[in-house]
């Protein structure tokens, strides 16, 4: 057996032998890239903010556009921040109620100020019902809006209609609040 003195000497020798091994490790140095001039952040357009709990979707007003602003915008820009508001429908109906007529009348005023615009009226439905039923209902909704707009003085050749049924919901949730947002006539400026 080793004596305490022998054990102490063995430990001292072991620590002396380990010390040079620890000193052989060099710290890893990661080269830092040269500072560069940062490019400006990309412009990201945000979808419109959802309505507040006390605000109905159909009551939201788009920001007014000046004539110069409208003339300089591309179709994508105009549609992204559209001055045309969607008209909403009650369940299983293609009849415009008072709120819907008010919205469409406002859109007619915008179209009268921009007589070169051609608009597609998209008919949309909520997710309930068959695809065939919703396509037919969406078509009736778009046609009802077109008929009303023509009665207010918009030339029929400036208005196109298409039905998407339940294929492009505005709100993906599966509840009455979402469904009420999805039952709509949506306006897309297709030529200016």
N, C-alpha and C. Protein backbone atom coordinates (compact mmCIF):
# COMPACT_ATOMS: atom_id res chain seq x y z
N UNK A 1 0.81 -1.16 0.00
CA UNK A 1 0.00 0.00 0.00
C UNK A 1 0.86 1.24 0.00
N UNK A 2 0.34 2.27 -0.65
CA UNK A 2 1.10 3.52 -0.68
C UNK A 2 0.94 4.25 0.64
N UNK A 3 1.98 4.87 1.02
CA UNK A 3 1.90 5.67 2.22
C UNK A 3 1.27 7.01 1.87
N UNK A 4 0.92 7.74 2.86
CA UNK A 4 0.30 9.05 2.61
C UNK A 4 1.31 9.93 1.91
N UNK A 5 2.54 9.82 2.27
CA UNK A 5 3.56 10.62 1.61
C UNK A 5 3.70 10.20 0.17
N UNK A 6 3.68 8.93 -0.13
CA UNK A 6 3.79 8.43 -1.50
C UNK A 6 2.57 8.84 -2.33
N UNK A 7 1.41 8.81 -1.69
CA UNK A 7 0.19 9.22 -2.38
C UNK A 7 0.26 10.70 -2.72
N UNK A 8 0.77 11.50 -1.84
CA UNK A 8 0.91 12.94 -2.08
C UNK A 8 1.86 13.20 -3.23
N UNK A 9 2.95 12.44 -3.28
CA UNK A 9 3.93 12.63 -4.37
C UNK A 9 3.30 12.21 -5.69
N UNK A 10 2.55 11.12 -5.69
CA UNK A 10 1.91 10.64 -6.92
C UNK A 10 0.90 11.67 -7.42
N UNK A 11 0.15 12.26 -6.51
CA UNK A 11 -0.82 13.29 -6.92
C UNK A 11 -0.10 14.52 -7.46
N UNK A 12 0.98 14.91 -6.87
CA UNK A 12 1.73 16.08 -7.33
C UNK A 12 2.27 15.83 -8.73
N UNK A 13 2.78 14.64 -8.96
CA UNK A 13 3.33 14.30 -10.29
C UNK A 13 2.20 14.29 -11.32
N UNK A 14 1.08 13.72 -10.95
CA UNK A 14 -0.05 13.65 -11.88
C UNK A 14 -0.54 15.05 -12.23
N UNK A 15 -0.58 15.93 -11.25
CA UNK A 15 -1.06 17.28 -11.55
C UNK A 15 -0.06 18.04 -12.40
N UNK A 16 1.24 17.80 -12.21
CA UNK A 16 2.24 18.45 -13.05
C UNK A 16 2.16 17.94 -14.49
N UNK A 17 1.84 16.70 -14.65
CA UNK A 17 1.74 16.13 -16.01
C UNK A 17 0.46 16.63 -16.70
N UNK A 18 -0.59 16.85 -15.94
CA UNK A 18 -1.85 17.30 -16.53
C UNK A 18 -1.79 18.78 -16.87
N UNK A 19 -1.05 19.58 -16.15
CA UNK A 19 -0.99 21.01 -16.39
C UNK A 19 -0.53 21.36 -17.80
N UNK A 20 0.54 20.77 -18.34
CA UNK A 20 0.94 21.12 -19.69
C UNK A 20 -0.12 20.70 -20.73
N UNK A 21 -0.84 19.63 -20.46
CA UNK A 21 -1.87 19.19 -21.41
C UNK A 21 -2.98 20.23 -21.47
N UNK A 22 -3.32 20.83 -20.33
CA UNK A 22 -4.38 21.85 -20.33
C UNK A 22 -3.91 23.11 -21.03
N UNK A 23 -2.62 23.40 -20.92
CA UNK A 23 -2.11 24.61 -21.54
C UNK A 23 -2.01 24.48 -23.05
N UNK A 24 -2.01 23.25 -23.57
CA UNK A 24 -1.90 23.06 -25.02
C UNK A 24 -3.17 23.48 -25.75
N UNK A 25 -4.32 23.52 -25.08
CA UNK A 25 -5.55 23.90 -25.74
C UNK A 25 -5.57 25.40 -25.96
N UNK A 26 -5.83 25.78 -27.18
CA UNK A 26 -5.94 27.19 -27.49
C UNK A 26 -7.42 27.52 -27.67
N UNK A 27 -7.82 28.67 -27.24
CA UNK A 27 -9.23 29.02 -27.40
C UNK A 27 -9.57 29.14 -28.89
N UNK A 28 -10.77 28.72 -29.21
CA UNK A 28 -11.23 28.81 -30.59
C UNK A 28 -11.66 30.24 -30.84
N UNK A 29 -11.09 30.83 -31.88
CA UNK A 29 -11.42 32.19 -32.23
C UNK A 29 -12.27 32.16 -33.50
N UNK A 30 -13.46 32.70 -33.40
CA UNK A 30 -14.35 32.76 -34.55
C UNK A 30 -14.15 34.11 -35.21
N UNK A 31 -13.76 34.09 -36.49
CA UNK A 31 -13.57 35.39 -37.15
C UNK A 31 -14.90 36.12 -37.26
N UNK A 32 -14.87 37.40 -36.98
CA UNK A 32 -16.07 38.23 -37.07
C UNK A 32 -16.12 38.84 -38.47
N UNK A 33 -17.31 38.82 -39.09
CA UNK A 33 -17.41 39.43 -40.41
C UNK A 33 -17.21 40.93 -40.32
N UNK A 34 -16.71 41.48 -41.39
CA UNK A 34 -16.49 42.92 -41.43
C UNK A 34 -17.84 43.61 -41.38
N UNK A 35 -17.92 44.73 -40.69
CA UNK A 35 -19.20 45.43 -40.64
C UNK A 35 -19.62 45.85 -42.05
N UNK A 36 -20.90 45.69 -42.31
CA UNK A 36 -21.39 46.06 -43.63
C UNK A 36 -22.50 47.08 -43.48
N UNK A 37 -22.78 47.72 -44.57
CA UNK A 37 -23.86 48.69 -44.58
C UNK A 37 -25.16 47.90 -44.68
N UNK A 38 -26.05 48.12 -43.75
CA UNK A 38 -27.30 47.36 -43.74
C UNK A 38 -28.26 47.92 -44.77
N UNK A 39 -28.88 47.01 -45.48
CA UNK A 39 -29.91 47.41 -46.43
C UNK A 39 -31.16 47.79 -45.65
N UNK A 40 -31.96 48.70 -46.19
CA UNK A 40 -33.18 49.03 -45.47
C UNK A 40 -34.09 47.82 -45.40
N UNK A 41 -34.86 47.70 -44.33
CA UNK A 41 -35.74 46.53 -44.21
C UNK A 41 -36.77 46.54 -45.33
N UNK A 42 -37.18 45.34 -45.78
CA UNK A 42 -38.17 45.29 -46.85
C UNK A 42 -39.51 45.87 -46.39
N UNK A 43 -40.22 46.43 -47.32
CA UNK A 43 -41.53 46.98 -47.01
C UNK A 43 -42.52 45.82 -46.95
N UNK A 44 -43.15 45.66 -45.82
CA UNK A 44 -44.11 44.58 -45.63
C UNK A 44 -45.47 45.21 -45.43
N UNK A 45 -46.40 44.82 -46.27
CA UNK A 45 -47.75 45.34 -46.10
C UNK A 45 -48.51 44.44 -45.16
N UNK A 46 -49.20 45.06 -44.27
CA UNK A 46 -49.97 44.32 -43.29
C UNK A 46 -51.42 44.24 -43.75
N UNK A 47 -52.07 43.11 -43.50
CA UNK A 47 -53.50 43.06 -43.81
C UNK A 47 -54.24 44.03 -42.91
N UNK A 48 -55.42 44.44 -43.32
CA UNK A 48 -56.14 45.36 -42.46
C UNK A 48 -56.37 44.77 -41.08
N UNK A 49 -56.30 45.63 -40.09
CA UNK A 49 -56.51 45.17 -38.72
C UNK A 49 -57.92 44.62 -38.57
N UNK A 50 -58.06 43.55 -37.81
CA UNK A 50 -59.41 43.01 -37.61
C UNK A 50 -60.25 44.03 -36.86
N UNK A 51 -61.55 43.99 -37.05
CA UNK A 51 -62.41 44.96 -36.37
C UNK A 51 -62.37 44.75 -34.86
N UNK A 52 -62.51 45.85 -34.15
CA UNK A 52 -62.61 45.75 -32.69
C UNK A 52 -63.94 45.10 -32.33
N UNK A 53 -64.03 44.62 -31.12
CA UNK A 53 -65.23 43.90 -30.70
C UNK A 53 -66.48 44.76 -30.84
N UNK A 54 -66.34 46.07 -30.66
CA UNK A 54 -67.51 46.95 -30.74
C UNK A 54 -67.75 47.46 -32.15
N UNK A 55 -66.91 47.09 -33.09
CA UNK A 55 -67.00 47.59 -34.45
C UNK A 55 -67.43 46.47 -35.38
N UNK A 56 -68.40 46.73 -36.22
CA UNK A 56 -68.82 45.75 -37.21
C UNK A 56 -67.94 45.90 -38.44
N UNK A 57 -67.66 44.81 -39.12
CA UNK A 57 -66.81 44.85 -40.31
C UNK A 57 -67.39 45.82 -41.33
N UNK A 58 -68.70 45.79 -41.52
CA UNK A 58 -69.31 46.64 -42.54
C UNK A 58 -69.29 48.12 -42.18
N UNK A 59 -68.98 48.47 -40.92
CA UNK A 59 -68.93 49.86 -40.51
C UNK A 59 -67.55 50.48 -40.68
N UNK A 60 -66.55 49.68 -40.99
CA UNK A 60 -65.20 50.21 -41.15
C UNK A 60 -65.11 51.05 -42.40
N UNK A 61 -64.47 52.18 -42.31
CA UNK A 61 -64.31 53.09 -43.44
C UNK A 61 -62.87 53.05 -43.92
N UNK A 62 -62.65 52.92 -45.23
CA UNK A 62 -61.28 53.00 -45.72
C UNK A 62 -60.81 54.44 -45.66
N UNK A 63 -59.50 54.62 -45.62
CA UNK A 63 -58.94 55.96 -45.62
C UNK A 63 -59.25 56.61 -46.96
N UNK A 64 -59.69 57.87 -46.95
CA UNK A 64 -59.99 58.53 -48.23
C UNK A 64 -58.72 58.69 -49.05
N UNK A 65 -58.86 58.54 -50.34
CA UNK A 65 -57.73 58.66 -51.25
C UNK A 65 -57.88 59.93 -52.07
N UNK A 66 -56.80 60.67 -52.21
CA UNK A 66 -56.85 61.85 -53.05
C UNK A 66 -56.77 61.43 -54.51
N UNK A 67 -57.22 62.30 -55.39
CA UNK A 67 -57.21 61.98 -56.81
C UNK A 67 -55.79 61.68 -57.30
N UNK A 68 -54.80 62.45 -56.83
CA UNK A 68 -53.42 62.22 -57.24
C UNK A 68 -52.92 60.87 -56.76
N UNK A 69 -53.28 60.51 -55.53
CA UNK A 69 -52.84 59.23 -54.96
C UNK A 69 -53.41 58.07 -55.77
N UNK A 70 -54.66 58.14 -56.14
CA UNK A 70 -55.31 57.05 -56.88
C UNK A 70 -54.68 56.89 -58.25
N UNK A 71 -54.43 57.99 -58.93
CA UNK A 71 -53.90 57.92 -60.29
C UNK A 71 -52.51 57.28 -60.32
N UNK A 72 -51.73 57.48 -59.28
CA UNK A 72 -50.36 56.97 -59.26
C UNK A 72 -50.24 55.53 -58.78
N UNK A 73 -51.29 54.96 -58.25
CA UNK A 73 -51.21 53.61 -57.67
C UNK A 73 -51.44 52.53 -58.72
N UNK A 74 -50.75 51.41 -58.51
CA UNK A 74 -50.98 50.24 -59.36
C UNK A 74 -52.27 49.57 -58.90
N UNK A 75 -52.76 48.63 -59.72
CA UNK A 75 -53.97 47.89 -59.34
C UNK A 75 -53.76 47.13 -58.03
N UNK A 76 -52.58 46.53 -57.87
CA UNK A 76 -52.30 45.79 -56.63
C UNK A 76 -52.37 46.71 -55.42
N UNK A 77 -51.79 47.91 -55.54
CA UNK A 77 -51.82 48.85 -54.43
C UNK A 77 -53.25 49.31 -54.14
N UNK A 78 -54.00 49.59 -55.20
CA UNK A 78 -55.39 50.01 -55.00
C UNK A 78 -56.20 48.94 -54.31
N UNK A 79 -56.02 47.70 -54.71
CA UNK A 79 -56.80 46.61 -54.11
C UNK A 79 -56.32 46.25 -52.71
N UNK A 80 -55.05 46.46 -52.43
CA UNK A 80 -54.53 46.16 -51.09
C UNK A 80 -55.15 47.11 -50.07
N UNK A 81 -55.32 48.37 -50.43
CA UNK A 81 -55.94 49.37 -49.56
C UNK A 81 -57.15 49.94 -50.29
N UNK A 82 -58.04 49.08 -50.62
CA UNK A 82 -59.14 49.44 -51.50
C UNK A 82 -60.09 50.47 -50.90
N UNK A 83 -60.50 51.43 -51.72
CA UNK A 83 -61.53 52.36 -51.28
C UNK A 83 -62.93 51.73 -51.40
N UNK A 84 -63.01 50.53 -51.97
CA UNK A 84 -64.29 49.83 -52.13
C UNK A 84 -64.46 48.86 -50.97
N UNK A 85 -65.57 48.98 -50.25
CA UNK A 85 -65.83 48.15 -49.08
C UNK A 85 -66.67 46.95 -49.45
N UNK A 86 -66.50 45.83 -48.75
CA UNK A 86 -67.34 44.66 -49.02
C UNK A 86 -68.76 44.87 -48.47
N UNK A 87 -69.71 44.28 -49.17
CA UNK A 87 -71.11 44.29 -48.70
C UNK A 87 -71.40 42.91 -48.11
N UNK A 88 -72.03 42.87 -46.96
CA UNK A 88 -72.27 41.62 -46.27
C UNK A 88 -73.73 41.20 -46.37
N UNK A 89 -73.95 39.88 -46.26
CA UNK A 89 -75.28 39.30 -46.41
C UNK A 89 -75.63 38.48 -45.18
N UNK A 90 -76.92 38.33 -44.96
CA UNK A 90 -77.38 37.45 -43.88
C UNK A 90 -77.35 36.01 -44.41
N UNK A 91 -77.47 35.08 -43.52
CA UNK A 91 -77.40 33.66 -43.85
C UNK A 91 -78.41 33.28 -44.93
N UNK A 92 -77.94 32.56 -45.93
CA UNK A 92 -78.78 31.98 -46.96
C UNK A 92 -79.57 33.03 -47.76
N UNK A 93 -78.97 34.21 -47.96
CA UNK A 93 -79.68 35.28 -48.66
C UNK A 93 -78.77 35.96 -49.67
N UNK A 94 -79.39 36.41 -50.75
CA UNK A 94 -78.67 37.23 -51.73
C UNK A 94 -79.32 38.61 -51.80
N UNK A 95 -80.17 38.93 -50.84
CA UNK A 95 -80.82 40.25 -50.79
C UNK A 95 -79.94 41.22 -50.03
N UNK A 96 -79.77 42.42 -50.60
CA UNK A 96 -79.03 43.47 -49.90
C UNK A 96 -79.94 44.09 -48.85
N UNK A 97 -79.48 44.10 -47.61
CA UNK A 97 -80.23 44.78 -46.57
C UNK A 97 -79.83 46.26 -46.57
N UNK A 98 -80.33 47.03 -45.62
CA UNK A 98 -80.04 48.46 -45.59
C UNK A 98 -78.54 48.73 -45.47
N UNK A 99 -77.86 47.99 -44.61
CA UNK A 99 -76.41 48.18 -44.44
C UNK A 99 -75.68 47.85 -45.74
N UNK A 100 -76.08 46.77 -46.41
CA UNK A 100 -75.45 46.40 -47.67
C UNK A 100 -75.68 47.43 -48.76
N UNK A 101 -76.92 47.96 -48.85
CA UNK A 101 -77.21 48.99 -49.84
C UNK A 101 -76.39 50.26 -49.57
N UNK A 102 -76.22 50.59 -48.30
CA UNK A 102 -75.42 51.76 -47.94
C UNK A 102 -73.97 51.60 -48.39
N UNK A 103 -73.40 50.42 -48.15
CA UNK A 103 -72.03 50.15 -48.56
C UNK A 103 -71.90 50.23 -50.09
N UNK A 104 -72.82 49.59 -50.80
CA UNK A 104 -72.76 49.58 -52.26
C UNK A 104 -72.95 51.00 -52.81
N UNK A 105 -73.82 51.77 -52.20
CA UNK A 105 -74.00 53.16 -52.63
C UNK A 105 -72.69 53.95 -52.47
N UNK A 106 -71.99 53.73 -51.37
CA UNK A 106 -70.68 54.38 -51.18
C UNK A 106 -69.69 53.94 -52.24
N UNK A 107 -69.72 52.66 -52.60
CA UNK A 107 -68.81 52.16 -53.65
C UNK A 107 -69.17 52.76 -55.00
N UNK A 108 -70.46 52.96 -55.25
CA UNK A 108 -70.89 53.60 -56.50
C UNK A 108 -70.33 55.02 -56.58
N UNK A 109 -70.36 55.74 -55.46
CA UNK A 109 -69.80 57.09 -55.44
C UNK A 109 -68.32 57.08 -55.81
N UNK A 110 -67.59 56.11 -55.29
CA UNK A 110 -66.16 55.99 -55.63
C UNK A 110 -65.99 55.69 -57.11
N UNK A 111 -66.81 54.79 -57.65
CA UNK A 111 -66.71 54.45 -59.08
C UNK A 111 -67.09 55.63 -59.97
N UNK A 112 -68.02 56.45 -59.55
CA UNK A 112 -68.39 57.63 -60.34
C UNK A 112 -67.24 58.63 -60.38
N UNK A 113 -66.44 58.70 -59.33
CA UNK A 113 -65.27 59.58 -59.30
C UNK A 113 -64.11 59.01 -60.11
N UNK A 114 -64.17 57.71 -60.41
CA UNK A 114 -63.11 57.02 -61.16
C UNK A 114 -63.75 56.27 -62.32
N UNK A 115 -64.23 57.00 -63.34
CA UNK A 115 -65.02 56.37 -64.41
C UNK A 115 -64.23 55.39 -65.28
N UNK A 116 -62.94 55.36 -65.16
CA UNK A 116 -62.13 54.44 -65.95
C UNK A 116 -62.00 53.06 -65.30
N UNK A 117 -62.39 52.94 -64.05
CA UNK A 117 -62.24 51.68 -63.34
C UNK A 117 -63.25 50.65 -63.81
N UNK A 118 -62.78 49.41 -63.92
CA UNK A 118 -63.62 48.24 -64.14
C UNK A 118 -63.48 47.39 -62.88
N UNK A 119 -64.60 46.88 -62.39
CA UNK A 119 -64.60 46.18 -61.11
C UNK A 119 -65.18 44.78 -61.28
N UNK A 120 -64.58 43.82 -60.60
CA UNK A 120 -65.15 42.47 -60.50
C UNK A 120 -65.79 42.35 -59.13
N UNK A 121 -67.03 41.94 -59.12
CA UNK A 121 -67.76 41.72 -57.87
C UNK A 121 -67.69 40.22 -57.59
N UNK A 122 -67.05 39.87 -56.50
CA UNK A 122 -66.90 38.46 -56.11
C UNK A 122 -67.98 38.10 -55.10
N UNK A 123 -68.73 37.04 -55.39
CA UNK A 123 -69.72 36.54 -54.44
C UNK A 123 -69.10 35.46 -53.57
N UNK A 124 -69.21 35.62 -52.26
CA UNK A 124 -68.62 34.68 -51.29
C UNK A 124 -69.68 34.19 -50.32
N UNK A 125 -69.45 33.01 -49.76
CA UNK A 125 -70.37 32.39 -48.80
C UNK A 125 -69.57 31.89 -47.60
N UNK A 126 -70.30 31.51 -46.55
CA UNK A 126 -69.60 30.87 -45.44
C UNK A 126 -69.43 29.38 -45.76
N UNK A 127 -68.82 28.65 -44.88
CA UNK A 127 -68.43 27.27 -45.16
C UNK A 127 -69.58 26.26 -45.11
N UNK A 128 -70.72 26.68 -44.62
CA UNK A 128 -71.83 25.75 -44.48
C UNK A 128 -72.52 25.57 -45.83
N UNK A 129 -73.01 24.38 -46.09
CA UNK A 129 -73.67 24.08 -47.36
C UNK A 129 -72.71 23.41 -48.32
N UNK A 130 -73.27 22.84 -49.39
CA UNK A 130 -72.43 22.13 -50.36
C UNK A 130 -71.70 23.14 -51.25
N UNK A 131 -70.67 22.66 -51.91
CA UNK A 131 -69.92 23.52 -52.83
C UNK A 131 -70.83 24.07 -53.92
N UNK A 132 -71.69 23.22 -54.48
CA UNK A 132 -72.58 23.64 -55.56
C UNK A 132 -73.56 24.70 -55.07
N UNK A 133 -74.15 24.47 -53.92
CA UNK A 133 -75.10 25.43 -53.36
C UNK A 133 -74.42 26.79 -53.14
N UNK A 134 -73.22 26.77 -52.54
CA UNK A 134 -72.53 28.02 -52.23
C UNK A 134 -72.07 28.74 -53.49
N UNK A 135 -71.68 28.00 -54.52
CA UNK A 135 -71.31 28.67 -55.78
C UNK A 135 -72.53 29.39 -56.37
N UNK A 136 -73.68 28.74 -56.34
CA UNK A 136 -74.90 29.37 -56.87
C UNK A 136 -75.30 30.58 -56.02
N UNK A 137 -75.22 30.46 -54.70
CA UNK A 137 -75.56 31.57 -53.81
C UNK A 137 -74.58 32.73 -54.01
N UNK A 138 -73.30 32.43 -54.14
CA UNK A 138 -72.31 33.48 -54.38
C UNK A 138 -72.58 34.21 -55.69
N UNK A 139 -73.00 33.47 -56.71
CA UNK A 139 -73.34 34.10 -58.00
C UNK A 139 -74.55 35.01 -57.85
N UNK A 140 -75.57 34.56 -57.11
CA UNK A 140 -76.75 35.41 -56.89
C UNK A 140 -76.38 36.67 -56.11
N UNK A 141 -75.49 36.56 -55.15
CA UNK A 141 -75.05 37.73 -54.38
C UNK A 141 -74.32 38.73 -55.27
N UNK A 142 -73.40 38.25 -56.07
CA UNK A 142 -72.67 39.14 -56.98
C UNK A 142 -73.62 39.80 -57.98
N UNK A 143 -74.57 39.02 -58.50
CA UNK A 143 -75.52 39.56 -59.48
C UNK A 143 -76.43 40.60 -58.83
N UNK A 144 -76.86 40.38 -57.60
CA UNK A 144 -77.72 41.34 -56.90
C UNK A 144 -76.99 42.66 -56.70
N UNK A 145 -75.72 42.59 -56.35
CA UNK A 145 -74.93 43.81 -56.16
C UNK A 145 -74.76 44.53 -57.50
N UNK A 146 -74.46 43.78 -58.54
CA UNK A 146 -74.30 44.39 -59.87
C UNK A 146 -75.60 45.09 -60.29
N UNK A 147 -76.72 44.42 -60.13
CA UNK A 147 -78.01 45.00 -60.50
C UNK A 147 -78.26 46.30 -59.75
N UNK A 148 -77.96 46.31 -58.46
CA UNK A 148 -78.16 47.51 -57.66
C UNK A 148 -77.23 48.63 -58.13
N UNK A 149 -75.98 48.31 -58.44
CA UNK A 149 -75.03 49.32 -58.89
C UNK A 149 -75.45 49.90 -60.24
N UNK A 150 -75.95 49.06 -61.13
CA UNK A 150 -76.43 49.54 -62.43
C UNK A 150 -77.63 50.47 -62.21
N UNK A 151 -78.51 50.12 -61.26
CA UNK A 151 -79.67 50.98 -60.99
C UNK A 151 -79.25 52.35 -60.45
N UNK A 152 -78.03 52.43 -59.89
CA UNK A 152 -77.52 53.71 -59.37
C UNK A 152 -76.65 54.45 -60.39
N UNK A 153 -76.58 53.93 -61.61
CA UNK A 153 -75.91 54.67 -62.68
C UNK A 153 -74.56 54.16 -63.14
N UNK A 154 -74.11 53.03 -62.68
CA UNK A 154 -72.84 52.47 -63.16
C UNK A 154 -73.12 51.63 -64.40
N UNK A 155 -72.35 51.85 -65.45
CA UNK A 155 -72.55 51.11 -66.70
C UNK A 155 -72.27 49.63 -66.48
N UNK A 156 -73.13 48.75 -67.00
CA UNK A 156 -72.95 47.31 -66.79
C UNK A 156 -71.62 46.77 -67.32
N UNK A 157 -71.08 47.41 -68.37
CA UNK A 157 -69.82 46.90 -68.93
C UNK A 157 -68.61 47.21 -68.03
N UNK A 158 -68.81 47.96 -66.97
CA UNK A 158 -67.74 48.23 -66.00
C UNK A 158 -67.75 47.24 -64.85
N UNK A 159 -68.74 46.34 -64.83
CA UNK A 159 -68.92 45.42 -63.71
C UNK A 159 -68.89 43.99 -64.19
N UNK A 160 -68.04 43.18 -63.60
CA UNK A 160 -67.99 41.74 -63.87
C UNK A 160 -68.41 41.04 -62.59
N UNK A 161 -68.90 39.82 -62.72
CA UNK A 161 -69.24 39.04 -61.52
C UNK A 161 -68.57 37.67 -61.58
N UNK A 162 -68.26 37.16 -60.41
CA UNK A 162 -67.71 35.81 -60.27
C UNK A 162 -68.13 35.29 -58.91
N UNK A 163 -68.34 34.00 -58.81
CA UNK A 163 -68.67 33.39 -57.53
C UNK A 163 -67.53 32.49 -57.09
N UNK A 164 -67.13 32.63 -55.85
CA UNK A 164 -66.13 31.75 -55.27
C UNK A 164 -66.75 30.82 -54.22
N UNK A 165 -68.04 30.96 -53.99
CA UNK A 165 -68.68 30.11 -53.00
C UNK A 165 -67.98 30.24 -51.66
N UNK A 166 -67.59 29.11 -51.10
CA UNK A 166 -66.94 29.11 -49.78
C UNK A 166 -65.42 28.96 -49.89
N UNK A 167 -64.87 29.07 -51.09
CA UNK A 167 -63.46 28.76 -51.32
C UNK A 167 -62.46 29.76 -50.75
N UNK A 168 -62.81 31.01 -50.62
CA UNK A 168 -61.86 32.01 -50.13
C UNK A 168 -62.43 32.78 -48.95
N UNK A 169 -62.47 32.14 -47.78
CA UNK A 169 -63.04 32.83 -46.62
C UNK A 169 -62.17 33.99 -46.16
N UNK A 170 -62.81 35.04 -45.72
CA UNK A 170 -62.11 36.19 -45.15
C UNK A 170 -61.57 35.82 -43.77
N UNK A 171 -62.35 35.04 -43.03
CA UNK A 171 -61.99 34.61 -41.68
C UNK A 171 -62.04 33.08 -41.65
N UNK A 172 -60.96 32.44 -41.25
CA UNK A 172 -60.84 30.98 -41.27
C UNK A 172 -61.52 30.27 -40.10
N UNK A 173 -61.98 31.03 -39.10
CA UNK A 173 -62.58 30.40 -37.92
C UNK A 173 -63.90 29.72 -38.29
N UNK A 174 -64.37 28.89 -37.40
CA UNK A 174 -65.59 28.12 -37.62
C UNK A 174 -66.66 28.51 -36.60
N UNK A 175 -67.08 29.78 -36.66
CA UNK A 175 -68.11 30.26 -35.75
C UNK A 175 -68.92 31.35 -36.45
N UNK A 176 -69.99 31.79 -35.81
CA UNK A 176 -70.90 32.75 -36.44
C UNK A 176 -70.22 34.06 -36.79
N UNK A 177 -69.33 34.53 -35.93
CA UNK A 177 -68.63 35.78 -36.22
C UNK A 177 -67.83 35.67 -37.52
N UNK A 178 -67.11 34.57 -37.69
CA UNK A 178 -66.33 34.36 -38.91
C UNK A 178 -67.27 34.18 -40.11
N UNK A 179 -68.31 33.41 -39.93
CA UNK A 179 -69.23 33.16 -41.05
C UNK A 179 -69.88 34.45 -41.54
N UNK A 180 -70.20 35.36 -40.61
CA UNK A 180 -70.82 36.62 -41.03
C UNK A 180 -69.86 37.46 -41.86
N UNK A 181 -68.56 37.36 -41.62
CA UNK A 181 -67.57 38.08 -42.42
C UNK A 181 -67.39 37.44 -43.79
N UNK A 182 -67.63 36.15 -43.88
CA UNK A 182 -67.40 35.42 -45.13
C UNK A 182 -68.57 35.54 -46.10
N UNK A 183 -69.76 35.88 -45.63
CA UNK A 183 -70.93 36.05 -46.50
C UNK A 183 -70.89 37.46 -47.07
N UNK A 184 -70.27 37.61 -48.23
CA UNK A 184 -70.02 38.97 -48.70
C UNK A 184 -69.93 39.06 -50.22
N UNK A 185 -70.04 40.29 -50.68
CA UNK A 185 -69.67 40.64 -52.06
C UNK A 185 -68.40 41.47 -51.91
N UNK A 186 -67.36 41.00 -52.52
CA UNK A 186 -66.05 41.65 -52.41
C UNK A 186 -65.76 42.32 -53.76
N UNK A 187 -65.18 43.51 -53.73
CA UNK A 187 -64.94 44.29 -54.94
C UNK A 187 -63.45 44.33 -55.26
N UNK A 188 -63.11 43.98 -56.48
CA UNK A 188 -61.71 44.00 -56.93
C UNK A 188 -61.63 44.88 -58.17
N UNK A 189 -60.76 45.87 -58.10
CA UNK A 189 -60.54 46.75 -59.25
C UNK A 189 -59.68 45.98 -60.24
N UNK A 190 -60.20 45.74 -61.45
CA UNK A 190 -59.48 44.92 -62.42
C UNK A 190 -58.90 45.71 -63.57
N UNK A 191 -59.31 46.96 -63.74
CA UNK A 191 -58.73 47.83 -64.78
C UNK A 191 -58.92 49.26 -64.35
N UNK A 192 -57.96 50.09 -64.74
CA UNK A 192 -58.10 51.53 -64.43
C UNK A 192 -57.56 52.36 -65.58
